[in-house]
Structures are given as C-alpha cells and as structure tokens.
Amino acid sequence: MDTLIFGGLLAALVVLFQDRPRRTVLAIWWVVLGATLALLSHHITSSLGLGLSY
C-alpha cells in the first residue's frame, strides 16, 4: 500500500514539474487518493487477526 501511495505521489510530482495542466496533476492525485481509500477499506475489513497477542 505504501508503494502505491508513494508511486502515485511521485507521478504527480513528475507531472507537476513537467508543467502539465493542473487538471492532469489533480486527476492523478484523485486517482491515488481513491486507490488508497479502497485499499484502506479492504485492510480494515479483512479477516486478518491484527490484534496483539503475547
């Protein structure tokens, strides 16, 4: 999940420095945000036992 977030932010940064239209940067940012939220909701509702047990 971290790789997706950082890769998407890097892509937005590269597009930003290439003087592309603002619409392109915002589109990439929204796609990354949507993918991040989808993955987060998947991880939150997964059946993995993430509780601590000693």
C-alpha atoms as a PDB file:
ATOM      1  CA  MET A   1       0.000   0.000   0.000  1.00  0.00           C
ATOM      2  CA  ASP A   2       2.836   2.383   0.797  1.00  0.00           C
ATOM      3  CA  THR A   3       4.374   1.695  -2.599  1.00  0.00           C
ATOM      4  CA  LEU A   4       1.142   2.697  -4.323  1.00  0.00           C
ATOM      5  CA  ILE A   5       0.879   5.917  -2.328  1.00  0.00           C
ATOM      6  CA  PHE A   6       4.490   6.961  -2.846  1.00  0.00           C
ATOM      7  CA  GLY A   7       4.459   5.927  -6.510  1.00  0.00           C
ATOM      8  CA  GLY A   8       1.331   7.951  -7.162  1.00  0.00           C
ATOM      9  CA  LEU A   9       2.693  10.970  -5.344  1.00  0.00           C
ATOM     10  CA  LEU A  10       5.941  10.668  -7.296  1.00  0.00           C
ATOM     11  CA  ALA A  11       3.970  10.529 -10.554  1.00  0.00           C
ATOM     12  CA  ALA A  12       2.047  13.653  -9.540  1.00  0.00           C
ATOM     13  CA  LEU A  13       5.312  15.408  -8.673  1.00  0.00           C
ATOM     14  CA  VAL A  14       6.897  14.469 -12.011  1.00  0.00           C
ATOM     15  CA  VAL A  15       3.839  15.718 -13.906  1.00  0.00           C
ATOM     16  CA  LEU A  16       3.880  18.900 -11.825  1.00  0.00           C
ATOM     17  CA  PHE A  17       7.499  19.641 -12.737  1.00  0.00           C
ATOM     18  CA  GLN A  18       6.820  18.961 -16.428  1.00  0.00           C
ATOM     19  CA  ASP A  19       4.481  21.985 -16.492  1.00  0.00           C
ATOM     20  CA  ARG A  20       1.462  19.898 -17.437  1.00  0.00           C
ATOM     21  CA  PRO A  21      -2.030  21.289 -16.948  1.00  0.00           C
ATOM     22  CA  ARG A  22      -3.299  21.492 -13.399  1.00  0.00           C
ATOM     23  CA  ARG A  23      -6.150  19.166 -14.373  1.00  0.00           C
ATOM     24  CA  THR A  24      -3.676  16.313 -15.005  1.00  0.00           C
ATOM     25  CA  VAL A  25      -1.997  16.731 -11.620  1.00  0.00           C
ATOM     26  CA  LEU A  26      -5.358  16.809  -9.855  1.00  0.00           C
ATOM     27  CA  ALA A  27      -6.575  13.760 -11.768  1.00  0.00           C
ATOM     28  CA  ILE A  28      -3.522  11.755 -10.694  1.00  0.00           C
ATOM     29  CA  TRP A  29      -3.924  12.947  -7.108  1.00  0.00           C
ATOM     30  CA  TRP A  30      -7.595  11.916  -7.003  1.00  0.00           C
ATOM     31  CA  VAL A  31      -6.837   8.510  -8.532  1.00  0.00           C
ATOM     32  CA  VAL A  32      -4.146   7.895  -5.910  1.00  0.00           C
ATOM     33  CA  LEU A  33      -6.471   9.028  -3.138  1.00  0.00           C
ATOM     34  CA  GLY A  34      -9.254   6.736  -4.384  1.00  0.00           C
ATOM     35  CA  ALA A  35      -6.924   3.755  -4.654  1.00  0.00           C
ATOM     36  CA  THR A  36      -5.545   4.450  -1.190  1.00  0.00           C
ATOM     37  CA  LEU A  37      -9.010   4.649   0.334  1.00  0.00           C
ATOM     38  CA  ALA A  38     -10.062   1.450  -1.430  1.00  0.00           C
ATOM     39  CA  LEU A  39      -7.014  -0.403  -0.123  1.00  0.00           C
ATOM     40  CA  LEU A  40      -7.500   1.033   3.348  1.00  0.00           C
ATOM     41  CA  SER A  41     -11.119  -0.106   3.456  1.00  0.00           C
ATOM     42  CA  HIS A  42     -10.019  -3.553   2.262  1.00  0.00           C
ATOM     43  CA  HIS A  43      -7.415  -3.816   5.005  1.00  0.00           C
ATOM     44  CA  ILE A  44      -9.769  -2.548   7.692  1.00  0.00           C
ATOM     45  CA  THR A  45     -12.469  -5.083   6.779  1.00  0.00           C
ATOM     46  CA  SER A  46     -10.126  -8.008   6.124  1.00  0.00           C
ATOM     47  CA  SER A  47     -10.281 -11.109   8.283  1.00  0.00           C
ATOM     48  CA  LEU A  48      -6.661 -10.907   9.382  1.00  0.00           C
ATOM     49  CA  GLY A  49      -6.192 -11.093  13.105  1.00  0.00           C
ATOM     50  CA  LEU A  50      -4.280  -7.881  13.655  1.00  0.00           C
ATOM     51  CA  GLY A  51      -4.653  -7.846  17.430  1.00  0.00           C
ATOM     52  CA  LEU A  52      -1.635  -8.093  19.660  1.00  0.00           C
ATOM     53  CA  SER A  53      -1.160 -11.354  21.485  1.00  0.00           C
ATOM     54  CA  TYR A  54       1.789 -12.004  23.736  1.00  0.00           C
END
